[in-house]
Protein backbone atom coordinates (compact mmCIF):
# COMPACT_ATOMS: atom_id res chain seq x y z
CA MET A 1 -13.44 -40.85 -1.71
CA ALA A 2 -13.22 -37.06 -1.95
CA THR A 3 -16.39 -35.02 -2.25
CA PHE A 4 -16.59 -31.62 -3.91
CA ARG A 5 -18.97 -29.01 -5.32
CA HIS A 6 -18.45 -26.67 -8.25
CA ALA A 7 -21.35 -24.40 -7.35
CA THR A 8 -19.54 -22.67 -4.49
CA PRO A 9 -17.95 -19.38 -5.63
CA GLY A 10 -14.24 -18.88 -5.08
CA SER A 11 -12.41 -15.98 -3.53
CA ILE A 12 -13.21 -12.48 -4.71
CA LEU A 13 -11.12 -9.35 -5.14
CA THR A 14 -12.12 -6.15 -3.39
CA SER A 15 -10.26 -2.96 -2.58
CA ARG A 16 -10.10 -0.09 -0.13
CA ARG A 17 -8.47 3.25 -0.77
CA VAL A 18 -7.40 6.35 1.06
CA ILE A 19 -6.34 9.77 -0.21
CA VAL A 20 -3.39 11.16 1.70
CA SER A 21 -3.03 14.96 1.63
CA ASP A 22 0.32 16.53 2.55
CA ALA A 23 1.77 13.13 1.67
CA ILE A 24 5.39 14.05 0.97
CA THR A 25 7.02 15.88 3.83
CA SER A 26 10.62 15.84 4.98
CA GLY A 27 10.32 12.74 7.14
CA ASN A 28 7.45 10.29 7.65
CA THR A 29 3.75 10.39 6.84
CA ASP A 30 1.75 7.61 8.53
CA PHE A 31 -1.80 6.41 7.75
CA THR A 32 -3.90 3.26 7.93
CA ILE A 33 -6.26 1.15 5.80
CA GLN A 34 -8.61 -1.48 7.24
CA GLN A 35 -8.10 -5.02 5.95
CA PRO A 36 -11.34 -7.03 5.66
CA ALA A 37 -11.77 -10.22 7.67
CA ASN A 38 -10.82 -13.48 5.92
CA SER A 39 -8.62 -11.72 3.37
CA THR A 40 -5.06 -11.42 2.22
CA VAL A 41 -3.34 -8.47 0.55
CA ASP A 42 -3.02 -9.07 -3.18
CA SER A 43 -1.49 -5.78 -4.33
CA CYS A 44 -1.14 -2.08 -3.68
CA VAL A 45 -1.63 0.77 -6.15
CA VAL A 46 -0.24 4.24 -5.39
CA ARG A 47 -1.37 7.07 -7.69
CA ALA A 48 -0.27 10.70 -7.65
CA LEU A 49 -3.27 13.01 -7.75
CA ASP A 50 -1.11 16.13 -8.19
CA THR A 51 2.13 16.86 -10.00
CA ILE A 52 4.46 16.83 -7.02
CA THR A 53 7.78 18.65 -7.17
CA ILE A 54 10.67 18.33 -4.73
CA ASP A 55 13.67 20.69 -4.57
CA SER A 56 16.39 18.33 -5.72
CA SER A 57 16.84 14.68 -6.58
CA GLY A 58 15.41 12.70 -3.72
CA THR A 59 13.80 9.48 -2.67
CA VAL A 60 10.16 8.92 -1.76
CA SER A 61 9.28 5.43 -0.57
CA PHE A 62 6.41 3.66 1.17
CA ARG A 63 5.86 0.44 3.09
CA CYS A 64 3.03 -1.34 4.86
CA GLY A 65 2.81 -3.63 7.85
CA VAL A 66 0.61 -4.94 10.61
CA ALA A 67 2.61 -3.18 13.34
CA ALA A 68 2.62 0.60 13.78
CA ALA A 69 4.76 2.74 11.47
CA GLY A 70 4.45 0.25 8.62
CA ASP A 71 6.95 -2.27 9.95
CA VAL A 72 7.55 -4.33 6.86
CA ASP A 73 5.66 -7.58 6.74
CA VAL A 74 2.99 -6.89 4.11
CA ILE A 75 4.57 -4.58 1.53
CA ALA A 76 8.31 -4.11 1.63
CA SER A 77 9.81 -0.64 1.30
CA THR A 78 9.30 0.44 -2.30
CA ASN A 79 10.61 3.58 -4.01
CA PHE A 80 7.93 5.74 -5.60
CA ILE A 81 10.62 8.07 -6.93
CA ASP A 82 14.36 7.71 -6.64
CA GLY A 83 16.79 10.36 -7.85
CA ALA A 84 14.09 12.52 -9.44
CA THR A 85 12.45 15.85 -8.75
CA VAL A 86 8.91 15.36 -10.10
CA ILE A 87 6.09 12.87 -9.67
CA ASN A 88 3.66 13.59 -12.49
CA ALA A 89 -0.08 13.71 -11.80
CA GLY A 90 -1.53 10.34 -12.73
CA ALA A 91 1.71 8.44 -12.16
CA VAL A 92 0.95 4.97 -10.80
CA LYS A 93 3.09 2.49 -8.90
CA LEU A 94 1.74 -1.08 -8.66
CA VAL A 95 3.27 -3.22 -5.93
CA THR A 96 2.50 -6.83 -5.05
CA ALA A 97 2.46 -7.96 -1.46
CA ALA A 98 5.58 -9.48 0.04
CA ASN A 99 5.98 -13.09 -1.14
CA ASP A 100 6.07 -14.42 2.42
CA VAL A 101 2.68 -12.91 3.13
CA ARG A 102 1.05 -14.43 0.07
CA THR A 103 2.58 -17.84 -0.33
CA ASN A 104 4.25 -19.52 2.62
CA GLY A 105 1.57 -19.95 5.25
CA ALA A 106 2.90 -17.20 7.53
CA THR A 107 0.50 -16.05 10.23
CA ALA A 108 -0.05 -12.75 8.40
CA VAL A 109 -1.37 -14.47 5.25
CA VAL A 110 -5.08 -14.33 6.06
CA ALA A 111 -6.55 -11.89 8.56
CA THR A 112 -9.27 -13.84 10.36
CA ASP A 113 -10.71 -10.59 11.75
CA GLU A 114 -10.70 -7.11 10.27
CA ARG A 115 -7.44 -5.39 11.16
CA GLU A 116 -5.62 -2.15 10.61
CA LEU A 117 -2.69 -2.06 8.19
CA ASN A 118 -0.16 0.70 8.81
CA PHE A 119 1.52 2.62 6.01
CA ARG A 120 4.52 4.91 6.15
CA ILE A 121 5.61 7.25 3.35
CA THR A 122 9.21 8.37 3.86
CA SER A 123 10.87 11.24 2.02
CA ASP A 124 14.27 12.83 2.48
CA GLN A 125 12.76 16.24 1.60
CA ALA A 126 9.40 17.98 1.46
CA ALA A 127 7.51 18.65 -1.73
CA THR A 128 7.49 22.28 -2.80
CA ALA A 129 4.16 22.31 -4.59
CA PRO A 130 1.26 21.90 -4.29
CA ASP A 131 0.96 21.60 -0.51
CA ASN A 132 3.18 18.49 -0.29
CA GLY A 133 1.00 16.64 -2.79
CA ARG A 134 -1.83 14.15 -2.62
CA LEU A 135 -1.43 10.42 -3.12
CA GLU A 136 -4.22 7.89 -3.55
CA VAL A 137 -3.35 4.51 -2.03
CA THR A 138 -5.51 1.51 -2.91
CA LEU A 139 -5.07 -1.93 -1.37
CA VAL A 140 -6.49 -4.89 -3.30
CA PHE A 141 -7.59 -7.80 -1.11
CA ARG A 142 -8.46 -11.39 -1.95
CA VAL A 143 -11.39 -12.30 0.30
CA PHE A 144 -12.12 -15.93 1.10
CA ASP A 145 -15.54 -17.27 2.08
């Protein structure tokens, strides 16, 4: 017969964030966030801290992975802006983790030890003001006991 207890708390949500200055350059901007041990990535929130202007319609995207340069296995490449010239201050993009990472038992689902997650912001042109802009990137983790 199965035994169980209701008194044990379940998983909890926690987050870590980083502010990236000079975030939108013509090319790639790389940075990292530490993933806690015994956790999985639940979602990612990217928020513009400045109104960021680019010269002409362009694309700004980001991705996240375990390998360097954000090789995609945690958050697939996602457009922050596509065909626009302005990211308004306070604009927020909410992205869930790749389905494989969250649901199918892949090795990347739960980090048994703390590990570094690698992000890459890619833009086809630099921002013109102010100073390539600042983005706040927050990762939300589900931590298991």
